Amino acid sequence: YYETGYKVYIGPKRYFVTSDVGDGRIQWYAFFALPPGTKKAPSGWGGSERDNQADPEENLVEYIKSLHEGWTDEVMTVLDATPPDSVEQRDLYDRAPEFLRSWADGNVILMGDAIHPMMPNLGQGGCQAIEDAYVLTETLANTKSTAKIEDNLQEFYRKRIVRVSIVQFLSRLASDLIINAFDTPWSPHDDLGKSWKSYLTFFWKPLLQYAIFPAQFAYLYSYFPTGSMGSLPKELNEKWKSEHYRTSEKEFERVAIEGQSTGGPSFFKTAEVEEKKEAEKATA
């Protein structure tokens, strides 16, 4: 559990990801190359209910397991620990960079997913929105006259378009390569990966691990608008590794005594509960 916080399992036209989210818990998500509008589960956005499920009687965990038949037991173990009514589904869309049309029109500016939605493979949708917000705040703080707002919003666009477009491209490339170019990796231990894509996937692994991924993330994390953070990242890493170990072991001990029959609530359900608590405090 502590050795690898993020795992990616690649197969034909799909891949499965597990991510350590602390307190001894794992989140997972599965990517499938399916036609637009192929809908089996509610999205979870906007408080959607389970009655949005295409077939309320269908066990979505079993459906997802059927799409990973023959995959490692690690995937099946995670799925077996997932309550079917917690499964949510979202279609993914991106768009090409806006090189020929500004994000700004008069005193109005678009930012984040409103103007540069991207595939989630690099986890950069929210990150680029935060960068947008920082640069926009900086731009407006240096705007001393309302007469200059329109010109400065255009300057904001020019500052952001190159980096955002590169990140959009890298995100789409990562998505397209995994879905279209990779397959079940060749292995001497089984007969599952025998296509040319399987051999390509096998030989790509060291190149991805030691060249492409380091270069890709070096670019993503090269943005230091306030200057170098010095030793802070290393200090935070050590602090949270220690905290993560402590809280996870505490949770493992609790489950060993009390047992755990279902997974925890979804992000949206947790947010809903927190909102109710805040509302109750405000009216108390």
Protein backbone atom coordinates (compact mmCIF):
# COMPACT_ATOMS: atom_id res chain seq x y z
CA TYR A 1 0.00 0.00 0.00
CA TYR A 2 2.83 2.42 0.85
CA GLU A 3 5.19 1.46 -1.96
CA THR A 4 3.08 2.67 -4.89
CA GLY A 5 0.51 5.40 -4.53
CA TYR A 6 -0.57 5.48 -8.16
CA LYS A 7 -0.97 2.49 -10.47
CA VAL A 8 -2.04 2.32 -14.11
CA TYR A 9 -3.18 -0.96 -15.69
CA ILE A 10 -3.25 -0.79 -19.50
CA GLY A 11 -5.26 -2.97 -21.86
CA PRO A 12 -6.86 -2.74 -25.31
CA LYS A 13 -8.97 0.41 -25.65
CA ARG A 14 -9.10 0.89 -21.88
CA TYR A 15 -7.07 1.38 -18.75
CA PHE A 16 -7.67 1.22 -15.02
CA VAL A 17 -6.10 3.51 -12.42
CA THR A 18 -5.86 3.21 -8.64
CA SER A 19 -4.78 6.12 -6.48
CA ASP A 20 -4.01 6.24 -2.77
CA VAL A 21 -6.15 8.97 -1.19
CA GLY A 22 -5.07 8.56 2.44
CA ASP A 23 -6.59 7.01 5.56
CA GLY A 24 -5.98 3.56 4.09
CA ARG A 25 -8.37 4.23 1.20
CA ILE A 26 -8.02 3.79 -2.56
CA GLN A 27 -9.94 5.57 -5.28
CA TRP A 28 -10.14 4.09 -8.74
CA TYR A 29 -11.26 5.15 -12.17
CA ALA A 30 -11.54 3.26 -15.44
CA PHE A 31 -11.23 4.76 -18.92
CA PHE A 32 -13.08 3.12 -21.82
CA ALA A 33 -13.13 4.04 -25.50
CA LEU A 34 -16.92 4.08 -25.93
CA PRO A 35 -19.19 6.01 -28.31
CA PRO A 36 -20.43 9.40 -27.01
CA GLY A 37 -23.61 9.10 -25.01
CA THR A 38 -22.95 5.55 -23.85
CA LYS A 39 -24.45 6.03 -20.42
CA LYS A 40 -24.92 3.48 -17.66
CA ALA A 41 -24.39 5.44 -14.43
CA PRO A 42 -25.26 8.94 -13.19
CA SER A 43 -22.51 11.53 -13.42
CA GLY A 44 -22.58 12.64 -9.79
CA TRP A 45 -22.50 16.28 -10.90
CA GLY A 46 -25.22 18.60 -9.66
CA GLY A 47 -26.50 16.13 -7.10
CA SER A 48 -27.73 13.61 -9.69
CA GLU A 49 -29.55 10.65 -8.13
CA ARG A 50 -29.26 6.92 -8.71
CA ASP A 51 -32.52 6.96 -10.67
CA ASN A 52 -30.44 8.47 -13.49
CA GLN A 53 -28.85 5.04 -13.92
CA ALA A 54 -29.79 3.55 -17.30
CA ASP A 55 -30.80 0.21 -15.76
CA PRO A 56 -31.43 0.60 -12.00
CA GLU A 57 -31.18 -3.16 -11.53
CA GLU A 58 -27.77 -3.52 -13.18
CA ASN A 59 -24.77 -4.14 -10.92
CA LEU A 60 -22.27 -1.68 -12.36
CA VAL A 61 -19.31 -3.22 -10.55
CA GLU A 62 -20.01 -6.55 -12.25
CA TYR A 63 -20.35 -4.73 -15.57
CA ILE A 64 -16.94 -3.08 -15.11
CA LYS A 65 -15.41 -6.40 -14.03
CA SER A 66 -16.71 -7.95 -17.24
CA LEU A 67 -14.78 -5.33 -19.21
CA HIS A 68 -11.58 -6.35 -17.40
CA GLU A 69 -11.94 -10.11 -17.71
CA GLY A 70 -8.51 -11.74 -17.51
CA TRP A 71 -6.89 -8.72 -15.85
CA THR A 72 -4.84 -8.90 -12.66
CA ASP A 73 -6.51 -9.83 -9.36
CA GLU A 74 -5.44 -6.42 -8.02
CA VAL A 75 -8.10 -4.77 -10.20
CA MET A 76 -10.75 -7.30 -9.16
CA THR A 77 -9.94 -6.85 -5.46
CA VAL A 78 -10.49 -3.08 -5.71
CA LEU A 79 -13.74 -3.54 -7.64
CA ASP A 80 -15.05 -6.17 -5.22
CA ALA A 81 -14.62 -3.67 -2.38
CA THR A 82 -16.68 -1.05 -4.24
CA PRO A 83 -20.40 -0.59 -3.51
CA PRO A 84 -22.20 -0.69 -6.89
CA ASP A 85 -24.33 2.33 -5.99
CA SER A 86 -21.20 4.49 -5.64
CA VAL A 87 -20.17 4.06 -9.29
CA GLU A 88 -20.41 7.24 -11.35
CA GLN A 89 -19.77 7.85 -15.04
CA ARG A 90 -18.71 10.91 -17.00
CA ASP A 91 -18.06 11.36 -20.70
CA LEU A 92 -14.77 13.12 -21.42
CA TYR A 93 -14.31 15.88 -23.96
CA ASP A 94 -11.56 18.33 -24.83
CA ARG A 95 -11.08 20.93 -27.55
CA ALA A 96 -8.31 22.35 -29.70
CA PRO A 97 -6.37 25.40 -28.45
CA GLU A 98 -7.76 28.84 -29.36
CA PHE A 99 -4.80 30.25 -31.34
CA LEU A 100 -6.88 32.41 -33.68
CA ARG A 101 -9.50 33.69 -31.24
CA SER A 102 -8.82 35.43 -27.96
CA TRP A 103 -10.24 34.24 -24.64
CA ALA A 104 -11.27 37.84 -23.96
CA ASP A 105 -14.06 39.92 -25.43
CA GLY A 106 -14.23 43.44 -24.08
CA ASN A 107 -14.24 43.26 -20.28
CA VAL A 108 -15.17 39.55 -20.26
CA ILE A 109 -12.62 36.73 -20.06
CA LEU A 110 -12.96 32.94 -20.10
CA MET A 111 -10.59 30.72 -18.14
CA GLY A 112 -10.16 27.13 -16.99
CA ASP A 113 -12.35 24.42 -18.54
CA ALA A 114 -14.61 27.10 -20.02
CA ILE A 115 -11.95 27.81 -22.65
CA HIS A 116 -9.32 25.05 -22.53
CA PRO A 117 -10.90 21.73 -21.41
CA MET A 118 -8.42 18.88 -21.63
CA MET A 119 -8.20 15.15 -21.13
CA PRO A 120 -7.61 14.25 -17.46
CA ASN A 121 -4.62 11.96 -18.05
CA LEU A 122 -2.11 14.42 -16.61
CA GLY A 123 -4.41 15.81 -13.91
CA GLN A 124 -3.98 19.31 -15.33
CA GLY A 125 -7.54 20.61 -15.86
CA GLY A 126 -7.84 22.09 -12.39
CA CYS A 127 -4.14 22.94 -12.21
CA GLN A 128 -4.27 25.08 -15.34
CA ALA A 129 -7.38 26.83 -14.02
CA ILE A 130 -5.46 27.71 -10.85
CA GLU A 131 -2.58 29.04 -12.94
CA ASP A 132 -5.09 31.08 -14.96
CA ALA A 133 -6.49 32.55 -11.75
CA TYR A 134 -3.03 33.47 -10.48
CA VAL A 135 -1.96 35.18 -13.70
CA LEU A 136 -5.32 36.94 -14.07
CA THR A 137 -5.14 38.21 -10.49
CA GLU A 138 -1.61 39.45 -11.11
CA THR A 139 -2.70 41.12 -14.35
CA LEU A 140 -5.68 42.90 -12.80
CA ALA A 141 -3.65 43.96 -9.76
CA ASN A 142 -1.29 45.77 -12.12
CA THR A 143 -4.17 47.42 -13.98
CA LYS A 144 -4.32 50.98 -12.66
CA SER A 145 -7.12 52.28 -14.87
CA THR A 146 -10.42 50.79 -16.07
CA ALA A 147 -9.53 52.08 -19.52
CA LYS A 148 -6.72 49.52 -19.65
CA ILE A 149 -8.80 46.48 -18.65
CA GLU A 150 -9.57 45.34 -22.19
CA ASP A 151 -5.93 45.55 -23.32
CA ASN A 152 -4.69 43.83 -20.17
CA LEU A 153 -7.16 40.96 -20.58
CA GLN A 154 -5.74 40.43 -24.06
CA GLU A 155 -2.28 40.45 -22.48
CA PHE A 156 -3.46 37.77 -20.03
CA TYR A 157 -4.52 35.64 -23.00
CA ARG A 158 -1.13 36.06 -24.66
CA LYS A 159 0.67 35.12 -21.44
CA ARG A 160 -1.28 31.89 -21.01
CA ILE A 161 -2.01 30.57 -24.51
CA VAL A 162 1.37 28.91 -25.18
CA ARG A 163 1.71 27.00 -21.91
CA VAL A 164 -1.94 25.97 -21.81
CA SER A 165 -1.80 24.76 -25.42
CA ILE A 166 1.27 22.64 -24.70
CA VAL A 167 -0.46 21.07 -21.70
CA GLN A 168 -3.62 20.46 -23.77
CA PHE A 169 -1.49 18.75 -26.42
CA LEU A 170 0.37 16.58 -23.89
CA SER A 171 -2.91 15.57 -22.24
CA ARG A 172 -4.52 14.59 -25.55
CA LEU A 173 -1.36 12.78 -26.65
CA ALA A 174 -1.30 10.76 -23.42
CA SER A 175 -4.96 9.84 -23.87
CA ASP A 176 -4.63 8.89 -27.54
CA LEU A 177 -1.49 6.83 -27.01
CA ILE A 178 -2.95 4.80 -24.15
CA ILE A 179 -6.32 4.21 -25.84
CA ASN A 180 -5.20 3.74 -29.45
CA ALA A 181 -1.52 2.73 -29.46
CA PHE A 182 -1.18 0.49 -26.42
CA ASP A 183 -2.48 -3.01 -25.75
CA THR A 184 -2.09 -5.74 -23.15
CA PRO A 185 1.72 -5.79 -22.69
CA TRP A 186 3.61 -8.85 -23.88
CA SER A 187 4.76 -11.09 -21.04
CA PRO A 188 6.74 -14.35 -21.04
CA HIS A 189 4.41 -15.61 -18.30
CA ASP A 190 1.16 -15.75 -20.30
CA ASP A 191 -0.31 -15.68 -23.82
CA LEU A 192 -2.49 -12.61 -23.40
CA GLY A 193 -0.37 -10.03 -25.23
CA LYS A 194 0.61 -11.27 -28.69
CA SER A 195 -0.26 -8.43 -31.07
CA TRP A 196 2.27 -5.95 -32.43
CA LYS A 197 0.79 -3.37 -30.09
CA SER A 198 1.49 -5.71 -27.16
CA TYR A 199 5.18 -5.85 -28.04
CA LEU A 200 5.22 -2.09 -28.60
CA THR A 201 3.63 -1.54 -25.17
CA PHE A 202 6.21 -3.82 -23.54
CA PHE A 203 9.19 -2.04 -25.09
CA TRP A 204 7.70 1.40 -24.45
CA LYS A 205 7.58 0.86 -20.69
CA PRO A 206 11.21 1.74 -19.85
CA LEU A 207 11.14 4.67 -22.30
CA LEU A 208 7.99 6.01 -20.66
CA GLN A 209 9.30 5.49 -17.14
CA TYR A 210 12.80 6.90 -17.54
CA ALA A 211 12.48 9.47 -20.34
CA ILE A 212 9.01 10.59 -21.40
CA PHE A 213 7.31 10.79 -17.99
CA PRO A 214 10.22 12.64 -16.30
CA ALA A 215 10.44 15.16 -19.17
CA GLN A 216 6.68 15.62 -19.24
CA PHE A 217 6.35 16.25 -15.50
CA ALA A 218 9.47 18.41 -15.46
CA TYR A 219 7.66 20.75 -17.83
CA LEU A 220 4.38 20.64 -15.90
CA TYR A 221 6.12 21.48 -12.62
CA SER A 222 8.48 24.06 -14.10
CA TYR A 223 6.05 26.91 -13.47
CA PHE A 224 7.18 28.94 -10.44
CA PRO A 225 5.39 32.30 -10.65
CA THR A 226 6.56 33.33 -7.16
CA GLY A 227 10.08 31.95 -7.49
CA SER A 228 11.75 28.79 -6.26
CA MET A 229 10.17 27.04 -3.29
CA GLY A 230 13.56 25.83 -2.09
CA SER A 231 13.36 22.89 0.30
CA LEU A 232 9.62 23.32 1.00
CA PRO A 233 8.43 20.54 -1.37
CA LYS A 234 10.85 18.05 0.20
CA GLU A 235 9.81 19.06 3.72
CA LEU A 236 6.10 18.74 2.87
CA ASN A 237 6.74 15.36 1.25
CA GLU A 238 8.40 14.01 4.38
CA LYS A 239 5.73 15.48 6.63
CA TRP A 240 2.83 14.00 4.71
CA LYS A 241 4.48 10.62 4.21
CA SER A 242 4.73 10.37 7.99
CA GLU A 243 1.17 11.64 8.51
CA HIS A 244 -0.15 9.34 5.81
CA TYR A 245 1.46 6.31 7.44
CA ARG A 246 0.06 7.23 10.86
CA THR A 247 -3.52 7.81 9.71
CA SER A 248 -3.56 4.76 7.43
CA GLU A 249 -2.29 2.41 10.12
CA LYS A 250 -4.94 3.78 12.49
CA GLU A 251 -7.62 3.06 9.89
CA PHE A 252 -6.29 -0.44 9.21
CA GLU A 253 -6.47 -1.19 12.91
CA ARG A 254 -10.05 0.07 13.08
CA VAL A 255 -11.14 -2.07 10.13
CA ALA A 256 -9.39 -5.12 11.58
CA ILE A 257 -11.55 -4.77 14.69
CA GLU A 258 -14.84 -3.45 13.28
CA GLY A 259 -14.68 -4.78 9.74
CA GLN A 260 -15.63 -2.90 6.61
CA SER A 261 -18.49 -4.11 4.45
CA THR A 262 -18.78 -1.11 2.13
CA GLY A 263 -16.62 1.68 0.83
CA GLY A 264 -16.90 5.23 2.02
CA PRO A 265 -19.29 7.81 0.56
CA SER A 266 -18.50 9.45 -2.75
CA PHE A 267 -16.92 12.88 -2.97
CA PHE A 268 -20.30 14.39 -3.82
CA LYS A 269 -22.09 12.74 -0.91
CA THR A 270 -19.35 13.90 1.47
CA ALA A 271 -19.64 17.46 0.12
CA GLU A 272 -23.42 17.32 0.56
CA VAL A 273 -23.06 16.25 4.20
CA GLU A 274 -20.52 19.01 4.87
CA GLU A 275 -22.81 21.62 3.30
CA LYS A 276 -25.67 20.51 5.56
CA LYS A 277 -23.42 20.77 8.62
CA GLU A 278 -22.34 24.28 7.65
CA ALA A 279 -25.97 25.31 7.06
CA GLU A 280 -26.97 23.95 10.48
CA LYS A 281 -24.15 25.89 12.14
CA ALA A 282 -25.23 29.07 10.39
CA THR A 283 -28.82 28.76 11.57
CA ALA A 284 -27.96 27.63 15.12
